[in-house]
Amino acid sequence: QVYIRESGGGLVQPGESLRLSCVVSGSLFSIYAMGWYRQGEGKERELLASIRRDESTNYADSVKGRFTISRDVPKKTVYLQMNNLKPDDTAIYYCNMEGPYGLGDGGFWGQGTQVTVSS
């Protein structure tokens, strides 16, 4: 069974940084693509960043240049380094592991961690 747990969210001021962590258990981890999503209040869930088994990455335009996804294979952990945070980044951030048909609804989700950016 796959278990995913996110952590590292919190309340920060605009321009500050956070690093989110996602620990995965019950899987081989390194062979699966991983993604970070977020969902703001009243908004649709948005894919922010993904990392593939070959370590290639992709980013949404809204976070490109500010956010960095990475993974530590021995620790079965994926990270999202978030720099220069903006109020529009306020959302619940979710970690996702791909399922048989890729990332998203058919994959495996953590419980989410809240990020609030406010002065």
N, C-alpha and C. Protein backbone atom coordinates (compact mmCIF):
# COMPACT_ATOMS: atom_id res chain seq x y z
N GLN A 1 0.84 -1.18 0.00
CA GLN A 1 0.00 0.00 0.00
C GLN A 1 0.88 1.24 0.00
N VAL A 2 0.46 2.25 -0.74
CA VAL A 2 1.19 3.50 -0.85
C VAL A 2 0.68 4.48 0.20
N TYR A 3 1.61 5.10 0.92
CA TYR A 3 1.28 6.14 1.87
C TYR A 3 2.14 7.36 1.56
N ILE A 4 1.50 8.52 1.46
CA ILE A 4 2.16 9.76 1.10
C ILE A 4 1.83 10.81 2.15
N ARG A 5 2.84 11.51 2.64
CA ARG A 5 2.64 12.53 3.67
C ARG A 5 3.44 13.78 3.32
N GLU A 6 2.74 14.90 3.20
CA GLU A 6 3.37 16.19 2.96
C GLU A 6 3.59 16.93 4.27
N SER A 7 4.60 17.78 4.29
CA SER A 7 4.86 18.64 5.43
C SER A 7 5.63 19.87 4.97
N GLY A 8 5.75 20.85 5.84
CA GLY A 8 6.56 22.02 5.56
C GLY A 8 5.79 23.29 5.26
N GLY A 9 4.48 23.22 5.18
CA GLY A 9 3.70 24.41 4.94
C GLY A 9 3.68 25.32 6.15
N GLY A 10 3.15 26.51 5.95
CA GLY A 10 3.07 27.47 7.04
C GLY A 10 2.65 28.83 6.54
N LEU A 11 2.77 29.81 7.43
CA LEU A 11 2.43 31.20 7.14
C LEU A 11 3.71 31.98 6.93
N VAL A 12 3.84 32.62 5.78
CA VAL A 12 5.02 33.42 5.47
C VAL A 12 4.58 34.73 4.84
N GLN A 13 5.50 35.70 4.85
CA GLN A 13 5.25 36.98 4.21
C GLN A 13 5.66 36.93 2.74
N PRO A 14 5.10 37.78 1.91
CA PRO A 14 5.53 37.83 0.51
C PRO A 14 7.04 38.00 0.38
N GLY A 15 7.62 37.27 -0.56
CA GLY A 15 9.05 37.31 -0.79
C GLY A 15 9.84 36.27 -0.02
N GLU A 16 9.24 35.65 0.96
CA GLU A 16 9.93 34.63 1.75
C GLU A 16 9.87 33.28 1.05
N SER A 17 10.51 32.28 1.67
CA SER A 17 10.65 30.96 1.07
C SER A 17 10.16 29.87 2.01
N LEU A 18 9.76 28.76 1.43
CA LEU A 18 9.42 27.54 2.15
C LEU A 18 9.93 26.35 1.36
N ARG A 19 10.22 25.26 2.06
CA ARG A 19 10.51 24.00 1.41
C ARG A 19 9.53 22.95 1.89
N LEU A 20 8.75 22.42 0.98
CA LEU A 20 7.82 21.35 1.28
C LEU A 20 8.49 20.00 1.09
N SER A 21 8.09 19.04 1.92
CA SER A 21 8.60 17.68 1.82
C SER A 21 7.44 16.72 1.64
N CYS A 22 7.69 15.65 0.91
CA CYS A 22 6.71 14.60 0.69
C CYS A 22 7.41 13.27 0.86
N VAL A 23 7.04 12.53 1.89
CA VAL A 23 7.64 11.24 2.19
C VAL A 23 6.71 10.14 1.69
N VAL A 24 7.27 9.20 0.96
CA VAL A 24 6.51 8.11 0.35
C VAL A 24 6.93 6.79 0.97
N SER A 25 5.98 5.98 1.35
CA SER A 25 6.25 4.63 1.84
C SER A 25 5.39 3.64 1.07
N GLY A 26 5.82 2.38 1.08
CA GLY A 26 5.04 1.33 0.46
C GLY A 26 5.19 1.23 -1.04
N SER A 27 6.24 1.82 -1.60
CA SER A 27 6.47 1.75 -3.03
C SER A 27 7.96 1.81 -3.30
N LEU A 28 8.33 1.52 -4.54
CA LEU A 28 9.73 1.61 -4.95
C LEU A 28 10.18 3.04 -5.15
N PHE A 29 9.25 3.97 -5.28
CA PHE A 29 9.46 5.40 -5.33
C PHE A 29 10.23 5.86 -6.56
N SER A 30 11.45 5.37 -6.73
CA SER A 30 12.32 5.91 -7.76
C SER A 30 11.84 5.64 -9.18
N ILE A 31 10.96 4.67 -9.36
CA ILE A 31 10.49 4.34 -10.70
C ILE A 31 9.23 5.11 -11.09
N TYR A 32 8.70 5.89 -10.16
CA TYR A 32 7.44 6.59 -10.41
C TYR A 32 7.67 8.08 -10.56
N ALA A 33 6.92 8.68 -11.48
CA ALA A 33 6.88 10.13 -11.56
C ALA A 33 6.14 10.70 -10.34
N MET A 34 6.60 11.85 -9.87
CA MET A 34 5.99 12.53 -8.75
C MET A 34 5.63 13.95 -9.16
N GLY A 35 4.59 14.47 -8.55
CA GLY A 35 4.17 15.83 -8.86
C GLY A 35 3.71 16.57 -7.63
N TRP A 36 3.86 17.89 -7.68
CA TRP A 36 3.29 18.79 -6.69
C TRP A 36 2.14 19.55 -7.32
N TYR A 37 1.00 19.52 -6.66
CA TYR A 37 -0.19 20.25 -7.06
C TYR A 37 -0.56 21.25 -5.97
N ARG A 38 -1.38 22.21 -6.32
CA ARG A 38 -1.98 23.07 -5.31
C ARG A 38 -3.41 23.39 -5.69
N GLN A 39 -4.19 23.73 -4.68
CA GLN A 39 -5.57 24.14 -4.90
C GLN A 39 -5.88 25.29 -3.94
N GLY A 40 -6.10 26.47 -4.50
CA GLY A 40 -6.52 27.61 -3.72
C GLY A 40 -8.01 27.58 -3.49
N GLU A 41 -8.46 28.38 -2.53
CA GLU A 41 -9.87 28.44 -2.19
C GLU A 41 -10.69 28.87 -3.40
N GLY A 42 -11.66 28.05 -3.78
CA GLY A 42 -12.51 28.35 -4.91
C GLY A 42 -11.85 28.18 -6.26
N LYS A 43 -10.67 27.60 -6.31
CA LYS A 43 -9.95 27.42 -7.56
C LYS A 43 -9.78 25.95 -7.89
N GLU A 44 -9.46 25.67 -9.14
CA GLU A 44 -9.21 24.30 -9.56
C GLU A 44 -7.81 23.88 -9.15
N ARG A 45 -7.65 22.58 -8.97
CA ARG A 45 -6.34 22.03 -8.65
C ARG A 45 -5.39 22.25 -9.83
N GLU A 46 -4.16 22.64 -9.52
CA GLU A 46 -3.18 23.02 -10.52
C GLU A 46 -1.91 22.21 -10.34
N LEU A 47 -1.42 21.63 -11.42
CA LEU A 47 -0.13 20.95 -11.39
C LEU A 47 0.98 21.98 -11.47
N LEU A 48 1.85 22.00 -10.47
CA LEU A 48 2.91 22.99 -10.39
C LEU A 48 4.24 22.48 -10.94
N ALA A 49 4.58 21.26 -10.58
CA ALA A 49 5.90 20.72 -10.91
C ALA A 49 5.84 19.21 -10.90
N SER A 50 6.64 18.59 -11.74
CA SER A 50 6.72 17.14 -11.78
C SER A 50 8.16 16.72 -12.01
N ILE A 51 8.47 15.52 -11.57
CA ILE A 51 9.79 14.94 -11.78
C ILE A 51 9.60 13.49 -12.22
N ARG A 52 10.30 13.10 -13.26
CA ARG A 52 10.18 11.78 -13.84
C ARG A 52 11.25 10.84 -13.31
N ARG A 53 11.15 9.57 -13.69
CA ARG A 53 12.11 8.59 -13.20
C ARG A 53 13.52 8.89 -13.67
N ASP A 54 13.67 9.58 -14.79
CA ASP A 54 14.98 9.96 -15.28
C ASP A 54 15.45 11.30 -14.73
N GLU A 55 14.72 11.85 -13.77
CA GLU A 55 15.01 13.10 -13.06
C GLU A 55 14.72 14.35 -13.89
N SER A 56 14.13 14.18 -15.07
CA SER A 56 13.70 15.35 -15.81
C SER A 56 12.53 16.02 -15.09
N THR A 57 12.39 17.32 -15.24
CA THR A 57 11.38 18.09 -14.51
C THR A 57 10.59 18.98 -15.45
N ASN A 58 9.38 19.34 -15.01
CA ASN A 58 8.54 20.29 -15.72
C ASN A 58 7.88 21.19 -14.69
N TYR A 59 7.61 22.44 -15.10
CA TYR A 59 7.03 23.42 -14.21
C TYR A 59 5.93 24.19 -14.90
N ALA A 60 4.92 24.55 -14.11
CA ALA A 60 3.91 25.46 -14.60
C ALA A 60 4.50 26.85 -14.76
N ASP A 61 3.96 27.60 -15.72
CA ASP A 61 4.47 28.95 -15.94
C ASP A 61 4.36 29.83 -14.70
N SER A 62 3.35 29.59 -13.88
CA SER A 62 3.13 30.43 -12.71
C SER A 62 4.22 30.30 -11.66
N VAL A 63 4.99 29.21 -11.69
CA VAL A 63 6.02 28.99 -10.68
C VAL A 63 7.40 28.82 -11.27
N LYS A 64 7.52 28.75 -12.57
CA LYS A 64 8.81 28.52 -13.21
C LYS A 64 9.79 29.63 -12.83
N GLY A 65 10.98 29.23 -12.41
CA GLY A 65 11.98 30.18 -11.97
C GLY A 65 11.94 30.49 -10.50
N ARG A 66 10.84 30.15 -9.82
CA ARG A 66 10.71 30.37 -8.39
C ARG A 66 10.69 29.07 -7.59
N PHE A 67 10.08 28.03 -8.16
CA PHE A 67 9.94 26.75 -7.47
C PHE A 67 10.86 25.72 -8.10
N THR A 68 11.37 24.80 -7.28
CA THR A 68 12.23 23.73 -7.75
C THR A 68 11.80 22.42 -7.11
N ILE A 69 11.55 21.40 -7.94
CA ILE A 69 11.22 20.08 -7.45
C ILE A 69 12.47 19.21 -7.50
N SER A 70 12.65 18.38 -6.49
CA SER A 70 13.78 17.47 -6.44
C SER A 70 13.39 16.25 -5.62
N ARG A 71 14.20 15.21 -5.68
CA ARG A 71 13.92 14.03 -4.87
C ARG A 71 15.20 13.45 -4.29
N ASP A 72 15.05 12.81 -3.14
CA ASP A 72 16.10 12.07 -2.47
C ASP A 72 15.65 10.62 -2.48
N VAL A 73 16.21 9.81 -3.35
CA VAL A 73 15.73 8.45 -3.54
C VAL A 73 15.90 7.58 -2.30
N PRO A 74 17.09 7.58 -1.64
CA PRO A 74 17.22 6.75 -0.44
C PRO A 74 16.22 7.11 0.66
N LYS A 75 15.86 8.38 0.78
CA LYS A 75 14.90 8.81 1.78
C LYS A 75 13.46 8.71 1.31
N LYS A 76 13.25 8.34 0.06
CA LYS A 76 11.91 8.27 -0.54
C LYS A 76 11.15 9.56 -0.29
N THR A 77 11.81 10.67 -0.57
CA THR A 77 11.26 11.98 -0.31
C THR A 77 11.39 12.87 -1.53
N VAL A 78 10.34 13.60 -1.84
CA VAL A 78 10.37 14.60 -2.89
C VAL A 78 10.17 15.97 -2.24
N TYR A 79 10.86 16.97 -2.74
CA TYR A 79 10.84 18.30 -2.17
C TYR A 79 10.30 19.31 -3.17
N LEU A 80 9.75 20.38 -2.65
CA LEU A 80 9.40 21.53 -3.45
C LEU A 80 9.96 22.76 -2.76
N GLN A 81 11.04 23.30 -3.30
CA GLN A 81 11.61 24.54 -2.80
C GLN A 81 10.87 25.70 -3.43
N MET A 82 10.28 26.56 -2.61
CA MET A 82 9.46 27.66 -3.08
C MET A 82 10.11 28.96 -2.64
N ASN A 83 10.55 29.76 -3.60
CA ASN A 83 11.19 31.03 -3.32
C ASN A 83 10.32 32.18 -3.82
N ASN A 84 10.56 33.35 -3.25
CA ASN A 84 9.84 34.56 -3.65
C ASN A 84 8.33 34.32 -3.67
N LEU A 85 7.82 33.84 -2.58
CA LEU A 85 6.40 33.50 -2.50
C LEU A 85 5.53 34.75 -2.61
N LYS A 86 4.39 34.57 -3.24
CA LYS A 86 3.44 35.64 -3.48
C LYS A 86 2.10 35.29 -2.85
N PRO A 87 1.27 36.29 -2.56
CA PRO A 87 -0.06 35.98 -2.00
C PRO A 87 -0.86 35.00 -2.86
N ASP A 88 -0.70 35.05 -4.18
CA ASP A 88 -1.42 34.14 -5.05
C ASP A 88 -0.96 32.70 -4.92
N ASP A 89 0.16 32.47 -4.23
CA ASP A 89 0.63 31.11 -3.97
C ASP A 89 -0.12 30.46 -2.81
N THR A 90 -0.94 31.21 -2.11
CA THR A 90 -1.71 30.66 -0.99
C THR A 90 -2.62 29.54 -1.48
N ALA A 91 -2.46 28.36 -0.89
CA ALA A 91 -3.22 27.19 -1.33
C ALA A 91 -2.86 26.01 -0.44
N ILE A 92 -3.61 24.94 -0.60
CA ILE A 92 -3.20 23.66 -0.06
C ILE A 92 -2.35 22.96 -1.11
N TYR A 93 -1.19 22.51 -0.70
CA TYR A 93 -0.24 21.88 -1.61
C TYR A 93 -0.27 20.37 -1.41
N TYR A 94 -0.41 19.65 -2.51
CA TYR A 94 -0.55 18.20 -2.48
C TYR A 94 0.57 17.53 -3.24
N CYS A 95 1.03 16.41 -2.72
CA CYS A 95 1.99 15.56 -3.38
C CYS A 95 1.25 14.41 -4.05
N ASN A 96 1.67 14.04 -5.25
CA ASN A 96 1.00 13.01 -6.02
C ASN A 96 2.02 12.06 -6.63
N MET A 97 1.76 10.77 -6.51
CA MET A 97 2.54 9.75 -7.20
C MET A 97 1.71 9.19 -8.33
N GLU A 98 2.34 8.98 -9.48
CA GLU A 98 1.60 8.49 -10.62
C GLU A 98 1.03 7.10 -10.36
N GLY A 99 -0.13 6.86 -10.92
CA GLY A 99 -0.74 5.55 -10.93
C GLY A 99 -0.53 4.89 -12.26
N PRO A 100 -1.32 3.87 -12.56
CA PRO A 100 -1.13 3.15 -13.83
C PRO A 100 -1.24 4.01 -15.07
N TYR A 101 -1.98 5.14 -14.97
CA TYR A 101 -2.19 6.00 -16.13
C TYR A 101 -1.60 7.39 -15.94
N GLY A 102 -0.64 7.51 -15.04
CA GLY A 102 0.09 8.75 -14.88
C GLY A 102 -0.31 9.55 -13.65
N LEU A 103 0.14 10.80 -13.60
CA LEU A 103 -0.15 11.69 -12.49
C LEU A 103 -1.60 12.15 -12.51
N GLY A 104 -2.06 12.61 -11.36
CA GLY A 104 -3.38 13.20 -11.27
C GLY A 104 -4.37 12.32 -10.54
N ASP A 105 -5.62 12.39 -10.98
CA ASP A 105 -6.71 11.72 -10.26
C ASP A 105 -6.54 10.22 -10.17
N GLY A 106 -5.86 9.62 -11.15
CA GLY A 106 -5.64 8.19 -11.12
C GLY A 106 -4.45 7.76 -10.31
N GLY A 107 -3.74 8.72 -9.71
CA GLY A 107 -2.57 8.44 -8.92
C GLY A 107 -2.88 8.39 -7.44
N PHE A 108 -1.84 8.60 -6.64
CA PHE A 108 -1.94 8.50 -5.19
C PHE A 108 -1.62 9.85 -4.56
N TRP A 109 -2.44 10.27 -3.61
CA TRP A 109 -2.37 11.61 -3.02
C TRP A 109 -2.01 11.58 -1.56
N GLY A 110 -1.29 12.62 -1.12
CA GLY A 110 -1.14 12.89 0.29
C GLY A 110 -2.29 13.71 0.81
N GLN A 111 -2.22 14.08 2.09
CA GLN A 111 -3.32 14.81 2.72
C GLN A 111 -3.26 16.31 2.47
N GLY A 112 -2.14 16.80 2.00
CA GLY A 112 -1.96 18.21 1.73
C GLY A 112 -1.33 18.96 2.89
N THR A 113 -0.69 20.08 2.57
CA THR A 113 -0.13 20.96 3.57
C THR A 113 -0.45 22.40 3.17
N GLN A 114 -0.89 23.20 4.14
CA GLN A 114 -1.36 24.55 3.86
C GLN A 114 -0.19 25.52 3.77
N VAL A 115 -0.18 26.31 2.71
CA VAL A 115 0.75 27.41 2.55
C VAL A 115 -0.05 28.70 2.47
N THR A 116 0.25 29.63 3.35
CA THR A 116 -0.41 30.93 3.36
C THR A 116 0.64 32.02 3.24
N VAL A 117 0.49 32.88 2.25
CA VAL A 117 1.42 33.98 2.01
C VAL A 117 0.65 35.27 2.22
N SER A 118 0.99 35.99 3.26
CA SER A 118 0.24 37.19 3.62
C SER A 118 1.13 38.12 4.42
N SER A 119 0.94 39.41 4.21
CA SER A 119 1.63 40.41 5.00
C SER A 119 0.83 40.82 6.21
